[in-house]
Amino acid sequence: MGWLWNQVHHIFDVDDGSFPEICICGLSANQVSNAYLFIRQIAGFVVGSPRFFNRETGCEMGIDEVENAARLVCEQKASPFHFMLRNLKHEPGIVHELGVFILDNAIALDYEKGALWGEREIEALLQIIRKIMGDAPGPFVRLEEAVSNEDRQLLNDSLDRLASGTDD
């Protein structure tokens, strides 16, 4: 595929100590809920014992103590929460580690920049993002303010190109 590496590798593989965030915004409650289940399904394992605040019970709970903690966030029954996953397997590769922040209308993914990001890993992450966005017209990707306009455009162009199946 070469073009993907050439276009966006610098956004991922240059270790500058940062943990950039890619936010998939404009999601419906069903999209957030389904994306959470999808991400959990493809992950090799959850790091630590992540918790969230359940507003209905007034206490913290483990994310695995309920069927779908993201659904509770969307229903305003729980506070937004963050957790870490490792070894997310999605064609054509494996995303080694990914932070996931669940909001009621968005999912933010944060990653550590560095040498582990090869072309297959980058494409796997972008395919995960595309899967979360689905075919609905509402979702869009928002990057941190520190990301240059050029890099924002390169990432969005790459997502569009992957969606269209154009890889020449």
C-alpha atoms as a PDB file:
ATOM      1  CA  MET A   1       0.000   0.000   0.000  1.00  0.00           C
ATOM      2  CA  GLY A   2       2.977   2.390   0.391  1.00  0.00           C
ATOM      3  CA  TRP A   3       0.912   5.566  -0.057  1.00  0.00           C
ATOM      4  CA  LEU A   4      -0.509   5.361   3.481  1.00  0.00           C
ATOM      5  CA  TRP A   5       2.925   5.101   5.066  1.00  0.00           C
ATOM      6  CA  ASN A   6       4.250   7.946   2.951  1.00  0.00           C
ATOM      7  CA  GLN A   7       1.267  10.146   3.740  1.00  0.00           C
ATOM      8  CA  VAL A   8       0.845   9.796   7.525  1.00  0.00           C
ATOM      9  CA  HIS A   9       3.655   7.839   9.202  1.00  0.00           C
ATOM     10  CA  HIS A  10       5.110  10.990  10.785  1.00  0.00           C
ATOM     11  CA  ILE A  11       1.845  11.463  12.719  1.00  0.00           C
ATOM     12  CA  PHE A  12       2.457   8.120  14.443  1.00  0.00           C
ATOM     13  CA  ASP A  13       6.071   6.971  14.408  1.00  0.00           C
ATOM     14  CA  VAL A  14       7.993  10.062  15.561  1.00  0.00           C
ATOM     15  CA  ASP A  15       8.250   9.572  19.322  1.00  0.00           C
ATOM     16  CA  ASP A  16       7.981  13.007  20.863  1.00  0.00           C
ATOM     17  CA  GLY A  17       6.636  11.800  24.215  1.00  0.00           C
ATOM     18  CA  SER A  18       3.072  12.798  23.412  1.00  0.00           C
ATOM     19  CA  PHE A  19      -0.121  10.762  23.491  1.00  0.00           C
ATOM     20  CA  PRO A  20      -2.194  12.333  20.688  1.00  0.00           C
ATOM     21  CA  GLU A  21      -5.954  11.948  20.651  1.00  0.00           C
ATOM     22  CA  ILE A  22      -8.159  11.176  17.686  1.00  0.00           C
ATOM     23  CA  CYS A  23     -11.761  11.965  18.557  1.00  0.00           C
ATOM     24  CA  ILE A  24     -14.580  10.429  16.563  1.00  0.00           C
ATOM     25  CA  CYS A  25     -17.367  12.948  17.146  1.00  0.00           C
ATOM     26  CA  GLY A  26     -21.027  13.199  16.207  1.00  0.00           C
ATOM     27  CA  LEU A  27     -21.868   9.624  17.145  1.00  0.00           C
ATOM     28  CA  SER A  28     -25.335   8.501  18.166  1.00  0.00           C
ATOM     29  CA  ALA A  29     -25.866   6.600  21.417  1.00  0.00           C
ATOM     30  CA  ASN A  30     -26.142   3.365  19.420  1.00  0.00           C
ATOM     31  CA  GLN A  31     -22.907   4.106  17.565  1.00  0.00           C
ATOM     32  CA  VAL A  32     -21.033   4.782  20.826  1.00  0.00           C
ATOM     33  CA  SER A  33     -22.456   1.645  22.404  1.00  0.00           C
ATOM     34  CA  ASN A  34     -21.714  -0.541  19.373  1.00  0.00           C
ATOM     35  CA  ALA A  35     -18.224   0.934  18.973  1.00  0.00           C
ATOM     36  CA  TYR A  36     -17.446   0.163  22.616  1.00  0.00           C
ATOM     37  CA  LEU A  37     -18.537  -3.460  22.147  1.00  0.00           C
ATOM     38  CA  PHE A  38     -16.568  -3.700  18.882  1.00  0.00           C
ATOM     39  CA  ILE A  39     -13.389  -2.302  20.436  1.00  0.00           C
ATOM     40  CA  ARG A  40     -13.688  -4.642  23.403  1.00  0.00           C
ATOM     41  CA  GLN A  41     -14.230  -7.584  21.045  1.00  0.00           C
ATOM     42  CA  ILE A  42     -11.080  -6.983  18.983  1.00  0.00           C
ATOM     43  CA  ALA A  43      -8.836  -6.189  21.964  1.00  0.00           C
ATOM     44  CA  GLY A  44      -6.477  -8.827  23.306  1.00  0.00           C
ATOM     45  CA  PHE A  45      -6.903  -7.538  26.831  1.00  0.00           C
ATOM     46  CA  VAL A  46      -7.855  -4.614  29.022  1.00  0.00           C
ATOM     47  CA  VAL A  47      -5.034  -2.946  30.961  1.00  0.00           C
ATOM     48  CA  GLY A  48      -5.602  -2.913  34.710  1.00  0.00           C
ATOM     49  CA  SER A  49      -9.065  -2.833  36.213  1.00  0.00           C
ATOM     50  CA  PRO A  50     -10.744   0.247  34.719  1.00  0.00           C
ATOM     51  CA  ARG A  51     -13.654   1.782  36.555  1.00  0.00           C
ATOM     52  CA  PHE A  52     -16.413   4.272  35.875  1.00  0.00           C
ATOM     53  CA  PHE A  53     -18.787   6.243  38.071  1.00  0.00           C
ATOM     54  CA  ASN A  54     -22.312   4.875  37.961  1.00  0.00           C
ATOM     55  CA  ARG A  55     -24.619   7.819  38.667  1.00  0.00           C
ATOM     56  CA  GLU A  56     -27.576   5.550  39.401  1.00  0.00           C
ATOM     57  CA  THR A  57     -25.833   3.660  42.179  1.00  0.00           C
ATOM     58  CA  GLY A  58     -23.703   6.615  43.263  1.00  0.00           C
ATOM     59  CA  CYS A  59     -20.497   4.596  43.264  1.00  0.00           C
ATOM     60  CA  GLU A  60     -17.614   3.463  41.103  1.00  0.00           C
ATOM     61  CA  MET A  61     -17.868   0.152  39.312  1.00  0.00           C
ATOM     62  CA  GLY A  62     -15.611  -1.931  37.123  1.00  0.00           C
ATOM     63  CA  ILE A  63     -16.436  -1.650  33.427  1.00  0.00           C
ATOM     64  CA  ASP A  64     -17.013  -5.410  33.325  1.00  0.00           C
ATOM     65  CA  GLU A  65     -19.542  -5.311  36.172  1.00  0.00           C
ATOM     66  CA  VAL A  66     -22.200  -4.154  33.709  1.00  0.00           C
ATOM     67  CA  GLU A  67     -23.187  -5.389  30.268  1.00  0.00           C
ATOM     68  CA  ASN A  68     -22.289  -2.177  28.430  1.00  0.00           C
ATOM     69  CA  ALA A  69     -20.787   0.714  30.395  1.00  0.00           C
ATOM     70  CA  ALA A  70     -20.800   2.911  27.286  1.00  0.00           C
ATOM     71  CA  ARG A  71     -24.576   2.578  26.986  1.00  0.00           C
ATOM     72  CA  LEU A  72     -24.889   3.906  30.551  1.00  0.00           C
ATOM     73  CA  VAL A  73     -22.758   6.933  29.610  1.00  0.00           C
ATOM     74  CA  CYS A  74     -25.011   7.619  26.614  1.00  0.00           C
ATOM     75  CA  GLU A  75     -28.088   7.390  28.842  1.00  0.00           C
ATOM     76  CA  GLN A  76     -26.511   9.862  31.321  1.00  0.00           C
ATOM     77  CA  LYS A  77     -26.536   7.088  33.941  1.00  0.00           C
ATOM     78  CA  ALA A  78     -22.738   7.028  34.151  1.00  0.00           C
ATOM     79  CA  SER A  79     -19.887   9.498  33.836  1.00  0.00           C
ATOM     80  CA  PRO A  80     -17.566   9.380  30.827  1.00  0.00           C
ATOM     81  CA  PHE A  81     -14.580   7.096  31.397  1.00  0.00           C
ATOM     82  CA  HIS A  82     -11.176   6.166  29.985  1.00  0.00           C
ATOM     83  CA  PHE A  83      -9.491   2.780  29.749  1.00  0.00           C
ATOM     84  CA  MET A  84      -6.518   1.190  28.005  1.00  0.00           C
ATOM     85  CA  LEU A  85      -6.496  -1.791  25.668  1.00  0.00           C
ATOM     86  CA  ARG A  86      -3.680  -3.822  24.167  1.00  0.00           C
ATOM     87  CA  ASN A  87      -3.283  -5.959  21.071  1.00  0.00           C
ATOM     88  CA  LEU A  88      -6.322  -4.835  19.096  1.00  0.00           C
ATOM     89  CA  LYS A  89      -6.498  -7.166  16.106  1.00  0.00           C
ATOM     90  CA  HIS A  90      -8.100  -5.647  13.040  1.00  0.00           C
ATOM     91  CA  GLU A  91      -7.118  -6.110   9.423  1.00  0.00           C
ATOM     92  CA  PRO A  92      -4.473  -5.678   8.292  1.00  0.00           C
ATOM     93  CA  GLY A  93      -2.521  -5.606  11.587  1.00  0.00           C
ATOM     94  CA  ILE A  94      -2.469  -5.146  15.326  1.00  0.00           C
ATOM     95  CA  VAL A  95      -2.705  -1.900  17.265  1.00  0.00           C
ATOM     96  CA  HIS A  96      -0.388  -2.570  20.201  1.00  0.00           C
ATOM     97  CA  GLU A  97      -1.944  -0.191  22.727  1.00  0.00           C
ATOM     98  CA  LEU A  98      -4.794   2.270  22.600  1.00  0.00           C
ATOM     99  CA  GLY A  99      -6.484   4.478  25.139  1.00  0.00           C
ATOM    100  CA  VAL A 100     -10.244   4.786  24.781  1.00  0.00           C
ATOM    101  CA  PHE A 101     -12.323   7.615  26.234  1.00  0.00           C
ATOM    102  CA  ILE A 102     -16.075   7.022  26.161  1.00  0.00           C
ATOM    103  CA  LEU A 103     -18.336  10.089  25.932  1.00  0.00           C
ATOM    104  CA  ASP A 104     -22.066  10.259  25.270  1.00  0.00           C
ATOM    105  CA  ASN A 105     -21.610  11.363  21.640  1.00  0.00           C
ATOM    106  CA  ALA A 106     -17.972  10.562  20.856  1.00  0.00           C
ATOM    107  CA  ILE A 107     -15.146   8.119  21.324  1.00  0.00           C
ATOM    108  CA  ALA A 108     -11.643   9.491  21.684  1.00  0.00           C
ATOM    109  CA  LEU A 109      -8.656   7.254  20.988  1.00  0.00           C
ATOM    110  CA  ASP A 110      -5.214   8.131  22.299  1.00  0.00           C
ATOM    111  CA  TYR A 111      -1.987   6.433  21.331  1.00  0.00           C
ATOM    112  CA  GLU A 112       1.695   6.579  22.146  1.00  0.00           C
ATOM    113  CA  LYS A 113       3.820   7.714  19.244  1.00  0.00           C
ATOM    114  CA  GLY A 114       6.868   5.611  18.400  1.00  0.00           C
ATOM    115  CA  ALA A 115       8.584   2.918  16.398  1.00  0.00           C
ATOM    116  CA  LEU A 116       5.812   0.331  16.938  1.00  0.00           C
ATOM    117  CA  TRP A 117       3.709   2.132  14.334  1.00  0.00           C
ATOM    118  CA  GLY A 118       4.334   0.550  10.958  1.00  0.00           C
ATOM    119  CA  GLU A 119       2.079   0.808   7.941  1.00  0.00           C
ATOM    120  CA  ARG A 120      -0.031  -2.224   8.923  1.00  0.00           C
ATOM    121  CA  GLU A 121      -0.569  -0.845  12.426  1.00  0.00           C
ATOM    122  CA  ILE A 122      -1.532   2.591  11.099  1.00  0.00           C
ATOM    123  CA  GLU A 123      -3.937   1.076   8.596  1.00  0.00           C
ATOM    124  CA  ALA A 124      -5.459  -1.128  11.318  1.00  0.00           C
ATOM    125  CA  LEU A 125      -6.089   1.955  13.473  1.00  0.00           C
ATOM    126  CA  LEU A 126      -7.608   3.891  10.578  1.00  0.00           C
ATOM    127  CA  GLN A 127      -9.818   0.911   9.709  1.00  0.00           C
ATOM    128  CA  ILE A 128     -10.975   0.792  13.351  1.00  0.00           C
ATOM    129  CA  ILE A 129     -11.835   4.496  13.120  1.00  0.00           C
ATOM    130  CA  ARG A 130     -13.718   3.908   9.859  1.00  0.00           C
ATOM    131  CA  LYS A 131     -15.647   1.035  11.450  1.00  0.00           C
ATOM    132  CA  ILE A 132     -16.636   3.247  14.388  1.00  0.00           C
ATOM    133  CA  MET A 133     -17.757   6.030  12.046  1.00  0.00           C
ATOM    134  CA  GLY A 134     -19.800   3.631   9.941  1.00  0.00           C
ATOM    135  CA  ASP A 135     -21.650   4.824   6.877  1.00  0.00           C
ATOM    136  CA  ALA A 136     -23.765   7.442   8.647  1.00  0.00           C
ATOM    137  CA  PRO A 137     -23.268  11.051   7.491  1.00  0.00           C
ATOM    138  CA  GLY A 138     -22.899  12.579  10.989  1.00  0.00           C
ATOM    139  CA  PRO A 139     -19.598  11.308  12.464  1.00  0.00           C
ATOM    140  CA  PHE A 140     -16.364  13.185  11.880  1.00  0.00           C
ATOM    141  CA  VAL A 141     -12.786  13.073  13.161  1.00  0.00           C
ATOM    142  CA  ARG A 142     -11.392  15.864  15.319  1.00  0.00           C
ATOM    143  CA  LEU A 143      -7.727  16.087  16.248  1.00  0.00           C
ATOM    144  CA  GLU A 144      -6.028  18.045  19.001  1.00  0.00           C
ATOM    145  CA  GLU A 145      -5.296  21.727  18.433  1.00  0.00           C
ATOM    146  CA  ALA A 146      -1.544  21.028  18.431  1.00  0.00           C
ATOM    147  CA  VAL A 147      -1.908  19.000  15.221  1.00  0.00           C
ATOM    148  CA  SER A 148      -1.149  21.084  12.151  1.00  0.00           C
ATOM    149  CA  ASN A 149      -3.857  21.795   9.594  1.00  0.00           C
ATOM    150  CA  GLU A 150      -1.759  19.917   7.039  1.00  0.00           C
ATOM    151  CA  ASP A 151      -1.636  16.781   9.219  1.00  0.00           C
ATOM    152  CA  ARG A 152      -5.370  17.038   9.925  1.00  0.00           C
ATOM    153  CA  GLN A 153      -6.009  17.100   6.191  1.00  0.00           C
ATOM    154  CA  LEU A 154      -3.587  14.213   5.534  1.00  0.00           C
ATOM    155  CA  LEU A 155      -5.304  12.009   8.120  1.00  0.00           C
ATOM    156  CA  ASN A 156      -8.787  12.809   6.832  1.00  0.00           C
ATOM    157  CA  ASP A 157      -7.657  12.266   3.236  1.00  0.00           C
ATOM    158  CA  SER A 158      -6.240   8.872   4.265  1.00  0.00           C
ATOM    159  CA  LEU A 159      -9.520   7.886   5.923  1.00  0.00           C
ATOM    160  CA  ASP A 160     -11.424   8.932   2.787  1.00  0.00           C
ATOM    161  CA  ARG A 161      -9.048   7.046   0.529  1.00  0.00           C
ATOM    162  CA  LEU A 162      -9.364   3.882   2.623  1.00  0.00           C
ATOM    163  CA  ALA A 163     -13.145   4.238   2.565  1.00  0.00           C
ATOM    164  CA  SER A 164     -13.162   4.511  -1.226  1.00  0.00           C
ATOM    165  CA  GLY A 165     -10.861   1.523  -1.619  1.00  0.00           C
ATOM    166  CA  THR A 166      -8.392   3.564  -3.676  1.00  0.00           C
ATOM    167  CA  ASP A 167      -4.931   2.306  -2.782  1.00  0.00           C
ATOM    168  CA  ASP A 168      -2.913   2.960  -5.894  1.00  0.00           C
END
